[in-house]
């Protein structure tokens, strides 16, 4: 289980704390430092809303992007990734609200 986490983001901290409170083992993945994990890029590119609209150029039409284009965008600019994101058993969910991540918990 991997949590794409930005400790400076309140929603991300809330998701992190939800996992800790439930004593769930997970990888605290600092994507801003490490980039997008190679095992996850394909899965992430299929999630609706995975790109943070507020961080990208207004001229980019997100709805028109193909998964491969989303992958390239995230690889080149990890800060564009919506956060937090929990990945477990080849499934992923955006933690907005943070309680959404509970869906993937065992």
Protein backbone atom coordinates (compact mmCIF):
# COMPACT_ATOMS: atom_id res chain seq x y z
CA UNK A 1 0.00 0.00 0.00
CA UNK A 2 1.48 3.32 -1.08
CA UNK A 3 0.28 6.79 -0.09
CA UNK A 4 1.30 9.61 -2.41
CA UNK A 5 1.86 12.18 0.30
CA UNK A 6 2.76 15.85 0.51
CA UNK A 7 3.21 16.73 4.19
CA UNK A 8 2.57 20.40 3.43
CA UNK A 9 -0.99 19.59 2.26
CA UNK A 10 -3.68 19.39 4.96
CA UNK A 11 -5.74 16.77 3.07
CA UNK A 12 -2.64 14.66 2.60
CA UNK A 13 -1.78 14.91 6.31
CA UNK A 14 -5.35 13.89 7.19
CA UNK A 15 -5.12 10.80 4.96
CA UNK A 16 -1.73 9.95 6.46
CA UNK A 17 -3.22 10.20 9.96
CA UNK A 18 -6.23 8.05 9.03
CA UNK A 19 -3.87 5.24 8.05
CA UNK A 20 -1.71 5.67 11.15
CA UNK A 21 -4.74 5.71 13.48
CA UNK A 22 -5.91 2.41 12.00
CA UNK A 23 -2.40 0.97 12.27
CA UNK A 24 -2.31 0.24 8.55
CA UNK A 25 1.13 -0.49 7.12
CA UNK A 26 1.84 1.72 4.12
CA UNK A 27 4.63 3.39 2.24
CA UNK A 28 4.79 7.14 2.86
CA UNK A 29 5.69 8.05 -0.71
CA UNK A 30 7.00 11.62 -1.06
CA UNK A 31 6.32 12.05 -4.76
CA UNK A 32 7.57 15.64 -4.88
CA UNK A 33 11.05 14.36 -3.95
CA UNK A 34 10.92 10.96 -5.66
CA UNK A 35 8.73 11.57 -8.71
CA UNK A 36 5.94 9.26 -9.79
CA UNK A 37 6.70 5.60 -9.09
CA UNK A 38 7.16 3.67 -12.32
CA UNK A 39 4.80 0.90 -11.19
CA UNK A 40 2.00 3.41 -10.65
CA UNK A 41 2.10 5.79 -13.60
CA UNK A 42 -0.24 3.81 -15.85
CA UNK A 43 -2.82 3.35 -13.10
CA UNK A 44 -2.63 6.98 -12.00
CA UNK A 45 -3.15 8.23 -15.55
CA UNK A 46 -6.56 6.54 -15.66
CA UNK A 47 -7.99 8.29 -12.56
CA UNK A 48 -10.48 11.07 -13.16
CA UNK A 49 -9.23 14.29 -11.59
CA UNK A 50 -5.64 13.09 -11.11
CA UNK A 51 -4.23 16.39 -12.41
CA UNK A 52 -4.46 19.41 -10.12
CA UNK A 53 -6.21 21.95 -12.33
CA UNK A 54 -5.01 24.86 -10.25
CA UNK A 55 -1.36 24.04 -10.98
CA UNK A 56 -1.37 23.65 -14.75
CA UNK A 57 -1.36 26.09 -17.62
CA UNK A 58 -4.92 27.20 -18.33
CA UNK A 59 -4.35 26.50 -22.03
CA UNK A 60 -4.02 22.74 -21.45
CA UNK A 61 -7.35 21.03 -22.15
CA UNK A 62 -7.38 18.20 -19.59
CA UNK A 63 -10.41 16.46 -21.04
CA UNK A 64 -8.60 16.09 -24.36
CA UNK A 65 -5.49 14.45 -22.89
CA UNK A 66 -4.93 10.78 -23.58
CA UNK A 67 -3.60 8.54 -20.77
CA UNK A 68 -0.09 8.56 -22.29
CA UNK A 69 -0.11 12.37 -22.34
CA UNK A 70 -1.22 12.44 -18.71
CA UNK A 71 1.62 10.05 -17.86
CA UNK A 72 4.17 12.33 -19.51
CA UNK A 73 2.72 15.38 -17.79
CA UNK A 74 2.97 13.69 -14.37
CA UNK A 75 6.46 12.31 -15.01
CA UNK A 76 7.75 15.73 -16.03
CA UNK A 77 5.79 17.62 -13.35
CA UNK A 78 5.00 15.49 -10.28
CA UNK A 79 3.61 18.59 -8.54
CA UNK A 80 0.60 18.36 -10.90
CA UNK A 81 -0.53 15.14 -9.17
CA UNK A 82 -3.70 15.48 -7.14
CA UNK A 83 -3.07 14.49 -3.54
CA UNK A 84 -3.30 12.42 -1.53
CA UNK A 85 -3.58 9.23 -3.56
CA UNK A 86 -3.66 5.75 -2.05
CA UNK A 87 -2.65 2.74 -4.14
CA UNK A 88 -3.41 -0.78 -2.98
CA UNK A 89 -3.64 -4.04 -4.94
CA UNK A 90 -3.48 -2.27 -8.32
CA UNK A 91 -6.34 0.05 -7.37
CA UNK A 92 -6.04 3.74 -6.65
CA UNK A 93 -8.20 6.42 -5.13
CA UNK A 94 -7.78 10.15 -4.65
CA UNK A 95 -8.21 11.14 -1.01
CA UNK A 96 -10.46 14.15 -1.51
CA UNK A 97 -12.02 14.06 0.96
CA UNK A 98 -9.35 12.11 2.87
CA UNK A 99 -11.94 9.56 4.04
CA UNK A 100 -12.15 8.29 0.45
CA UNK A 101 -8.99 6.27 1.06
CA UNK A 102 -10.88 4.08 3.52
CA UNK A 103 -12.53 2.37 0.53
CA UNK A 104 -9.25 0.60 -0.27
CA UNK A 105 -8.46 -0.51 3.27
CA UNK A 106 -8.65 -4.20 4.16
